[in-house]
PDB file of N, CA and C in Angstrom:
ATOM      1  N   UNK A   1       2.357 -25.938  10.395  1.00  0.00           N
ATOM      2  CA  UNK A   1       1.677 -24.925  11.187  1.00  0.00           C
ATOM      3  C   UNK A   1       0.912 -25.634  12.300  1.00  0.00           C
ATOM      4  N   UNK A   2       1.047 -25.144  13.486  1.00  0.00           N
ATOM      5  CA  UNK A   2       0.382 -25.713  14.656  1.00  0.00           C
ATOM      6  C   UNK A   2      -1.069 -25.230  14.728  1.00  0.00           C
ATOM      7  N   UNK A   3      -1.904 -25.976  15.397  1.00  0.00           N
ATOM      8  CA  UNK A   3      -3.310 -25.591  15.532  1.00  0.00           C
ATOM      9  C   UNK A   3      -3.453 -24.257  16.263  1.00  0.00           C
ATOM     10  N   UNK A   4      -2.561 -23.971  17.201  1.00  0.00           N
ATOM     11  CA  UNK A   4      -2.619 -22.681  17.903  1.00  0.00           C
ATOM     12  C   UNK A   4      -2.326 -21.525  16.947  1.00  0.00           C
ATOM     13  N   UNK A   5      -1.455 -21.759  15.962  1.00  0.00           N
ATOM     14  CA  UNK A   5      -1.165 -20.732  14.955  1.00  0.00           C
ATOM     15  C   UNK A   5      -2.383 -20.467  14.083  1.00  0.00           C
ATOM     16  N   UNK A   6      -3.067 -21.533  13.707  1.00  0.00           N
ATOM     17  CA  UNK A   6      -4.274 -21.397  12.876  1.00  0.00           C
ATOM     18  C   UNK A   6      -5.338 -20.626  13.642  1.00  0.00           C
ATOM     19  N   UNK A   7      -5.549 -20.989  14.895  1.00  0.00           N
ATOM     20  CA  UNK A   7      -6.533 -20.294  15.712  1.00  0.00           C
ATOM     21  C   UNK A   7      -6.198 -18.805  15.838  1.00  0.00           C
ATOM     22  N   UNK A   8      -4.948 -18.510  16.067  1.00  0.00           N
ATOM     23  CA  UNK A   8      -4.520 -17.115  16.201  1.00  0.00           C
ATOM     24  C   UNK A   8      -4.803 -16.343  14.915  1.00  0.00           C
ATOM     25  N   UNK A   9      -4.492 -16.934  13.773  1.00  0.00           N
ATOM     26  CA  UNK A   9      -4.721 -16.259  12.493  1.00  0.00           C
ATOM     27  C   UNK A   9      -6.211 -16.057  12.213  1.00  0.00           C
ATOM     28  N   UNK A  10      -7.006 -17.057  12.535  1.00  0.00           N
ATOM     29  CA  UNK A  10      -8.440 -16.961  12.280  1.00  0.00           C
ATOM     30  C   UNK A  10      -9.150 -16.011  13.234  1.00  0.00           C
ATOM     31  N   UNK A  11      -8.583 -15.779  14.378  1.00  0.00           N
ATOM     32  CA  UNK A  11      -9.237 -14.915  15.356  1.00  0.00           C
ATOM     33  C   UNK A  11      -8.824 -13.449  15.236  1.00  0.00           C
ATOM     34  N   UNK A  12      -7.969 -13.121  14.286  1.00  0.00           N
ATOM     35  CA  UNK A  12      -7.580 -11.730  14.073  1.00  0.00           C
ATOM     36  C   UNK A  12      -8.596 -11.054  13.149  1.00  0.00           C
ATOM     37  N   UNK A  13      -8.959  -9.828  13.477  1.00  0.00           N
ATOM     38  CA  UNK A  13      -9.885  -9.059  12.653  1.00  0.00           C
ATOM     39  C   UNK A  13      -9.112  -8.291  11.588  1.00  0.00           C
ATOM     40  N   UNK A  14      -9.668  -8.232  10.374  1.00  0.00           N
ATOM     41  CA  UNK A  14      -9.066  -7.377   9.356  1.00  0.00           C
ATOM     42  C   UNK A  14      -9.718  -5.991   9.440  1.00  0.00           C
ATOM     43  N   UNK A  15      -9.255  -5.070   8.636  1.00  0.00           N
ATOM     44  CA  UNK A  15      -9.721  -3.680   8.708  1.00  0.00           C
ATOM     45  C   UNK A  15     -11.225  -3.558   8.468  1.00  0.00           C
ATOM     46  N   UNK A  16     -11.750  -4.305   7.502  1.00  0.00           N
ATOM     47  CA  UNK A  16     -13.185  -4.247   7.210  1.00  0.00           C
ATOM     48  C   UNK A  16     -14.011  -4.824   8.357  1.00  0.00           C
ATOM     49  N   UNK A  17     -13.564  -5.918   8.936  1.00  0.00           N
ATOM     50  CA  UNK A  17     -14.291  -6.510  10.062  1.00  0.00           C
ATOM     51  C   UNK A  17     -14.320  -5.563  11.254  1.00  0.00           C
ATOM     52  N   UNK A  18     -13.225  -4.875  11.492  1.00  0.00           N
ATOM     53  CA  UNK A  18     -13.179  -3.890  12.575  1.00  0.00           C
ATOM     54  C   UNK A  18     -14.162  -2.754  12.315  1.00  0.00           C
ATOM     55  N   UNK A  19     -14.242  -2.300  11.062  1.00  0.00           N
ATOM     56  CA  UNK A  19     -15.180  -1.227  10.724  1.00  0.00           C
ATOM     57  C   UNK A  19     -16.614  -1.674  10.992  1.00  0.00           C
ATOM     58  N   UNK A  20     -16.990  -2.862  10.511  1.00  0.00           N
ATOM     59  CA  UNK A  20     -18.363  -3.331  10.699  1.00  0.00           C
ATOM     60  C   UNK A  20     -18.693  -3.554  12.176  1.00  0.00           C
ATOM     61  N   UNK A  21     -17.719  -4.002  12.959  1.00  0.00           N
ATOM     62  CA  UNK A  21     -17.931  -4.143  14.399  1.00  0.00           C
ATOM     63  C   UNK A  21     -18.215  -2.781  15.023  1.00  0.00           C
ATOM     64  N   UNK A  22     -17.376  -1.800  14.674  1.00  0.00           N
ATOM     65  CA  UNK A  22     -17.560  -0.455  15.220  1.00  0.00           C
ATOM     66  C   UNK A  22     -18.870   0.169  14.743  1.00  0.00           C
ATOM     67  N   UNK A  23     -19.236  -0.079  13.495  1.00  0.00           N
ATOM     68  CA  UNK A  23     -20.494   0.455  12.964  1.00  0.00           C
ATOM     69  C   UNK A  23     -21.679  -0.134  13.717  1.00  0.00           C
ATOM     70  N   UNK A  24     -21.648  -1.425  13.972  1.00  0.00           N
ATOM     71  CA  UNK A  24     -22.721  -2.083  14.705  1.00  0.00           C
ATOM     72  C   UNK A  24     -22.930  -1.429  16.066  1.00  0.00           C
ATOM     73  N   UNK A  25     -21.850  -1.250  16.815  1.00  0.00           N
ATOM     74  CA  UNK A  25     -21.972  -0.688  18.154  1.00  0.00           C
ATOM     75  C   UNK A  25     -22.258   0.817  18.136  1.00  0.00           C
ATOM     76  N   UNK A  26     -21.839   1.516  17.099  1.00  0.00           N
ATOM     77  CA  UNK A  26     -22.053   2.962  17.055  1.00  0.00           C
ATOM     78  C   UNK A  26     -23.490   3.326  16.691  1.00  0.00           C
ATOM     79  N   UNK A  27     -24.255   2.402  16.168  1.00  0.00           N
ATOM     80  CA  UNK A  27     -25.634   2.708  15.761  1.00  0.00           C
ATOM     81  C   UNK A  27     -26.529   3.056  16.944  1.00  0.00           C
ATOM     82  N   UNK A  28     -26.087   2.775  18.143  1.00  0.00           N
ATOM     83  CA  UNK A  28     -26.847   3.148  19.337  1.00  0.00           C
ATOM     84  C   UNK A  28     -26.735   4.643  19.613  1.00  0.00           C
ATOM     85  N   UNK A  29     -25.726   5.282  19.013  1.00  0.00           N
ATOM     86  CA  UNK A  29     -25.474   6.702  19.217  1.00  0.00           C
ATOM     87  C   UNK A  29     -25.316   7.347  17.841  1.00  0.00           C
ATOM     88  N   UNK A  30     -26.320   8.098  17.400  1.00  0.00           N
ATOM     89  CA  UNK A  30     -26.321   8.630  16.032  1.00  0.00           C
ATOM     90  C   UNK A  30     -25.123   9.532  15.741  1.00  0.00           C
ATOM     91  N   UNK A  31     -24.674  10.299  16.715  1.00  0.00           N
ATOM     92  CA  UNK A  31     -23.513  11.178  16.512  1.00  0.00           C
ATOM     93  C   UNK A  31     -22.237  10.357  16.309  1.00  0.00           C
ATOM     94  N   UNK A  32     -22.079   9.344  17.126  1.00  0.00           N
ATOM     95  CA  UNK A  32     -20.911   8.473  17.008  1.00  0.00           C
ATOM     96  C   UNK A  32     -20.931   7.738  15.666  1.00  0.00           C
ATOM     97  N   UNK A  33     -22.097   7.307  15.249  1.00  0.00           N
ATOM     98  CA  UNK A  33     -22.249   6.616  13.970  1.00  0.00           C
ATOM     99  C   UNK A  33     -21.885   7.550  12.814  1.00  0.00           C
ATOM    100  N   UNK A  34     -22.375   8.779  12.876  1.00  0.00           N
ATOM    101  CA  UNK A  34     -22.085   9.753  11.826  1.00  0.00           C
ATOM    102  C   UNK A  34     -20.584  10.009  11.732  1.00  0.00           C
ATOM    103  N   UNK A  35     -19.932  10.178  12.868  1.00  0.00           N
ATOM    104  CA  UNK A  35     -18.487  10.436  12.869  1.00  0.00           C
ATOM    105  C   UNK A  35     -17.706   9.252  12.309  1.00  0.00           C
ATOM    106  N   UNK A  36     -18.126   8.047  12.648  1.00  0.00           N
ATOM    107  CA  UNK A  36     -17.452   6.858  12.138  1.00  0.00           C
ATOM    108  C   UNK A  36     -17.574   6.784  10.617  1.00  0.00           C
ATOM    109  N   UNK A  37     -18.767   7.013  10.099  1.00  0.00           N
ATOM    110  CA  UNK A  37     -18.983   6.960   8.649  1.00  0.00           C
ATOM    111  C   UNK A  37     -18.194   8.056   7.946  1.00  0.00           C
ATOM    112  N   UNK A  38     -18.144   9.237   8.532  1.00  0.00           N
ATOM    113  CA  UNK A  38     -17.377  10.336   7.944  1.00  0.00           C
ATOM    114  C   UNK A  38     -15.884  10.043   7.935  1.00  0.00           C
ATOM    115  N   UNK A  39     -15.419   9.220   8.852  1.00  0.00           N
ATOM    116  CA  UNK A  39     -13.990   8.928   8.928  1.00  0.00           C
ATOM    117  C   UNK A  39     -13.524   7.944   7.852  1.00  0.00           C
ATOM    118  N   UNK A  40     -14.457   7.319   7.176  1.00  0.00           N
ATOM    119  CA  UNK A  40     -14.110   6.337   6.146  1.00  0.00           C
ATOM    120  C   UNK A  40     -13.724   7.070   4.867  1.00  0.00           C
ATOM    121  N   UNK A  41     -12.596   6.692   4.302  1.00  0.00           N
ATOM    122  CA  UNK A  41     -12.139   7.339   3.072  1.00  0.00           C
ATOM    123  C   UNK A  41     -13.057   7.000   1.901  1.00  0.00           C
ATOM    124  N   UNK A  42     -13.020   7.813   0.859  1.00  0.00           N
ATOM    125  CA  UNK A  42     -13.839   7.580  -0.333  1.00  0.00           C
ATOM    126  C   UNK A  42     -13.518   6.229  -0.963  1.00  0.00           C
ATOM    127  N   UNK A  43     -12.242   5.850  -0.948  1.00  0.00           N
ATOM    128  CA  UNK A  43     -11.852   4.562  -1.517  1.00  0.00           C
ATOM    129  C   UNK A  43     -12.500   3.415  -0.748  1.00  0.00           C
ATOM    130  N   UNK A  44     -12.454   3.495   0.571  1.00  0.00           N
ATOM    131  CA  UNK A  44     -13.037   2.439   1.399  1.00  0.00           C
ATOM    132  C   UNK A  44     -14.547   2.369   1.242  1.00  0.00           C
ATOM    133  N   UNK A  45     -15.181   3.513   1.045  1.00  0.00           N
ATOM    134  CA  UNK A  45     -16.638   3.524   0.871  1.00  0.00           C
ATOM    135  C   UNK A  45     -17.056   2.701  -0.339  1.00  0.00           C
ATOM    136  N   UNK A  46     -16.215   2.664  -1.361  1.00  0.00           N
ATOM    137  CA  UNK A  46     -16.544   1.876  -2.552  1.00  0.00           C
ATOM    138  C   UNK A  46     -16.426   0.380  -2.272  1.00  0.00           C
ATOM    139  N   UNK A  47     -15.653   0.011  -1.284  1.00  0.00           N
ATOM    140  CA  UNK A  47     -15.436  -1.404  -0.975  1.00  0.00           C
ATOM    141  C   UNK A  47     -16.340  -1.909   0.143  1.00  0.00           C
ATOM    142  N   UNK A  48     -16.918  -1.016   0.921  1.00  0.00           N
ATOM    143  CA  UNK A  48     -17.745  -1.398   2.056  1.00  0.00           C
ATOM    144  C   UNK A  48     -19.219  -1.219   1.733  1.00  0.00           C
ATOM    145  N   UNK A  49     -20.047  -1.997   2.370  1.00  0.00           N
ATOM    146  CA  UNK A  49     -21.494  -1.821   2.261  1.00  0.00           C
ATOM    147  C   UNK A  49     -21.935  -1.084   3.510  1.00  0.00           C
ATOM    148  N   UNK A  50     -22.301   0.177   3.329  1.00  0.00           N
ATOM    149  CA  UNK A  50     -22.721   1.016   4.447  1.00  0.00           C
ATOM    150  C   UNK A  50     -24.170   1.422   4.178  1.00  0.00           C
ATOM    151  N   UNK A  51     -25.138   0.738   4.794  1.00  0.00           N
ATOM    152  CA  UNK A  51     -26.549   1.008   4.506  1.00  0.00           C
ATOM    153  C   UNK A  51     -26.938   2.478   4.648  1.00  0.00           C
ATOM    154  N   UNK A  52     -26.323   3.174   5.595  1.00  0.00           N
ATOM    155  CA  UNK A  52     -26.653   4.588   5.803  1.00  0.00           C
ATOM    156  C   UNK A  52     -26.292   5.457   4.602  1.00  0.00           C
ATOM    157  N   UNK A  53     -25.397   4.998   3.741  1.00  0.00           N
ATOM    158  CA  UNK A  53     -24.968   5.782   2.582  1.00  0.00           C
ATOM    159  C   UNK A  53     -25.601   5.301   1.276  1.00  0.00           C
ATOM    160  N   UNK A  54     -26.318   4.200   1.310  1.00  0.00           N
ATOM    161  CA  UNK A  54     -26.899   3.654   0.092  1.00  0.00           C
ATOM    162  C   UNK A  54     -28.300   4.205  -0.127  1.00  0.00           C
ATOM    163  N   UNK A  55     -28.616   4.430  -1.389  1.00  0.00           N
ATOM    164  CA  UNK A  55     -29.978   4.811  -1.732  1.00  0.00           C
ATOM    165  C   UNK A  55     -30.816   3.545  -1.810  1.00  0.00           C
ATOM    166  N   UNK A  56     -32.107   3.700  -1.835  1.00  0.00           N
ATOM    167  CA  UNK A  56     -33.002   2.545  -1.893  1.00  0.00           C
ATOM    168  C   UNK A  56     -32.754   1.702  -3.133  1.00  0.00           C
ATOM    169  N   UNK A  57     -32.400   2.332  -4.247  1.00  0.00           N
ATOM    170  CA  UNK A  57     -32.173   1.583  -5.492  1.00  0.00           C
ATOM    171  C   UNK A  57     -30.884   0.759  -5.452  1.00  0.00           C
ATOM    172  N   UNK A  58     -29.952   1.111  -4.564  1.00  0.00           N
ATOM    173  CA  UNK A  58     -28.697   0.370  -4.455  1.00  0.00           C
ATOM    174  C   UNK A  58     -28.816  -0.852  -3.565  1.00  0.00           C
ATOM    175  N   UNK A  59     -29.846  -0.904  -2.749  1.00  0.00           N
ATOM    176  CA  UNK A  59     -30.001  -2.022  -1.821  1.00  0.00           C
ATOM    177  C   UNK A  59     -30.665  -3.190  -2.536  1.00  0.00           C
ATOM    178  N   UNK A  60     -30.105  -4.371  -2.400  1.00  0.00           N
ATOM    179  CA  UNK A  60     -30.738  -5.531  -3.031  1.00  0.00           C
ATOM    180  C   UNK A  60     -32.064  -5.857  -2.354  1.00  0.00           C
ATOM    181  N   UNK A  61     -33.093  -6.074  -3.152  1.00  0.00           N
ATOM    182  CA  UNK A  61     -34.394  -6.393  -2.572  1.00  0.00           C
ATOM    183  C   UNK A  61     -34.434  -7.844  -2.104  1.00  0.00           C
ATOM    184  N   UNK A  62     -33.671  -8.688  -2.783  1.00  0.00           N
ATOM    185  CA  UNK A  62     -33.555 -10.085  -2.368  1.00  0.00           C
ATOM    186  C   UNK A  62     -32.339 -10.668  -3.060  1.00  0.00           C
ATOM    187  N   UNK A  63     -31.881 -11.796  -2.590  1.00  0.00           N
ATOM    188  CA  UNK A  63     -30.749 -12.443  -3.229  1.00  0.00           C
ATOM    189  C   UNK A  63     -31.220 -13.111  -4.512  1.00  0.00           C
ATOM    190  N   UNK A  64     -30.337 -13.161  -5.481  1.00  0.00           N
ATOM    191  CA  UNK A  64     -30.653 -13.830  -6.734  1.00  0.00           C
ATOM    192  C   UNK A  64     -30.823 -15.326  -6.531  1.00  0.00           C
ATOM    193  N   UNK A  65     -31.492 -15.969  -7.494  1.00  0.00           N
ATOM    194  CA  UNK A  65     -31.746 -17.399  -7.399  1.00  0.00           C
ATOM    195  C   UNK A  65     -30.459 -18.211  -7.349  1.00  0.00           C
ATOM    196  N   UNK A  66     -29.390 -17.674  -7.917  1.00  0.00           N
ATOM    197  CA  UNK A  66     -28.135 -18.412  -7.935  1.00  0.00           C
ATOM    198  C   UNK A  66     -27.304 -18.215  -6.666  1.00  0.00           C
ATOM    199  N   UNK A  67     -27.797 -17.400  -5.719  1.00  0.00           N
ATOM    200  CA  UNK A  67     -27.031 -17.140  -4.508  1.00  0.00           C
ATOM    201  C   UNK A  67     -26.813 -18.426  -3.699  1.00  0.00           C
ATOM    202  N   UNK A  68     -27.848 -19.211  -3.558  1.00  0.00           N
ATOM    203  CA  UNK A  68     -27.748 -20.465  -2.825  1.00  0.00           C
ATOM    204  C   UNK A  68     -28.019 -21.626  -3.778  1.00  0.00           C
ATOM    205  N   UNK A  69     -27.208 -21.758  -4.762  1.00  0.00           N
ATOM    206  CA  UNK A  69     -27.372 -22.803  -5.760  1.00  0.00           C
ATOM    207  C   UNK A  69     -27.030 -24.158  -5.145  1.00  0.00           C
ATOM    208  N   UNK A  70     -28.026 -24.986  -4.953  1.00  0.00           N
ATOM    209  CA  UNK A  70     -27.820 -26.287  -4.319  1.00  0.00           C
ATOM    210  C   UNK A  70     -27.224 -27.306  -5.278  1.00  0.00           C
ATOM    211  N   UNK A  71     -27.120 -26.974  -6.547  1.00  0.00           N
ATOM    212  CA  UNK A  71     -26.556 -27.902  -7.528  1.00  0.00           C
ATOM    213  C   UNK A  71     -25.029 -27.863  -7.539  1.00  0.00           C
ATOM    214  N   UNK A  72     -24.463 -26.834  -6.941  1.00  0.00           N
ATOM    215  CA  UNK A  72     -23.008 -26.708  -6.882  1.00  0.00           C
ATOM    216  C   UNK A  72     -22.527 -27.439  -5.639  1.00  0.00           C
ATOM    217  N   UNK A  73     -21.659 -28.404  -5.824  1.00  0.00           N
ATOM    218  CA  UNK A  73     -21.132 -29.173  -4.699  1.00  0.00           C
ATOM    219  C   UNK A  73     -19.650 -28.858  -4.525  1.00  0.00           C
ATOM    220  N   UNK A  74     -19.354 -28.148  -3.470  1.00  0.00           N
ATOM    221  CA  UNK A  74     -17.970 -27.800  -3.164  1.00  0.00           C
ATOM    222  C   UNK A  74     -17.730 -28.084  -1.694  1.00  0.00           C
ATOM    223  N   UNK A  75     -16.538 -28.460  -1.377  1.00  0.00           N
ATOM    224  CA  UNK A  75     -16.161 -28.716   0.000  1.00  0.00           C
ATOM    225  C   UNK A  75     -15.120 -27.694   0.437  1.00  0.00           C
ATOM    226  N   UNK A  76     -15.160 -27.386   1.708  1.00  0.00           N
ATOM    227  CA  UNK A  76     -14.182 -26.466   2.287  1.00  0.00           C
ATOM    228  C   UNK A  76     -13.408 -27.251   3.340  1.00  0.00           C
ATOM    229  N   UNK A  77     -12.085 -27.173   3.251  1.00  0.00           N
ATOM    230  CA  UNK A  77     -11.225 -27.876   4.195  1.00  0.00           C
ATOM    231  C   UNK A  77     -10.267 -26.888   4.836  1.00  0.00           C
ATOM    232  N   UNK A  78     -10.050 -27.070   6.121  1.00  0.00           N
ATOM    233  CA  UNK A  78      -9.046 -26.269   6.822  1.00  0.00           C
ATOM    234  C   UNK A  78      -7.835 -27.124   7.053  1.00  0.00           C
TER     235      UNK A  78
END
């Protein structure tokens, strides 16, 4: 695989990334934001984190202590 192929693959947005991009920009217009959220299927709502649809009890107050566990040493290679 050529480096240009890798770049092309990494620069493509998936469906969830497109939704979050659109949600970010739609928050400037409450009507547009509402329509975007309404357009999301029930199945997708279970897979996406949409703050406007979450109750206060569903929102994490902070990350758990194991979220940034510095004792785990892993490397990522491309």
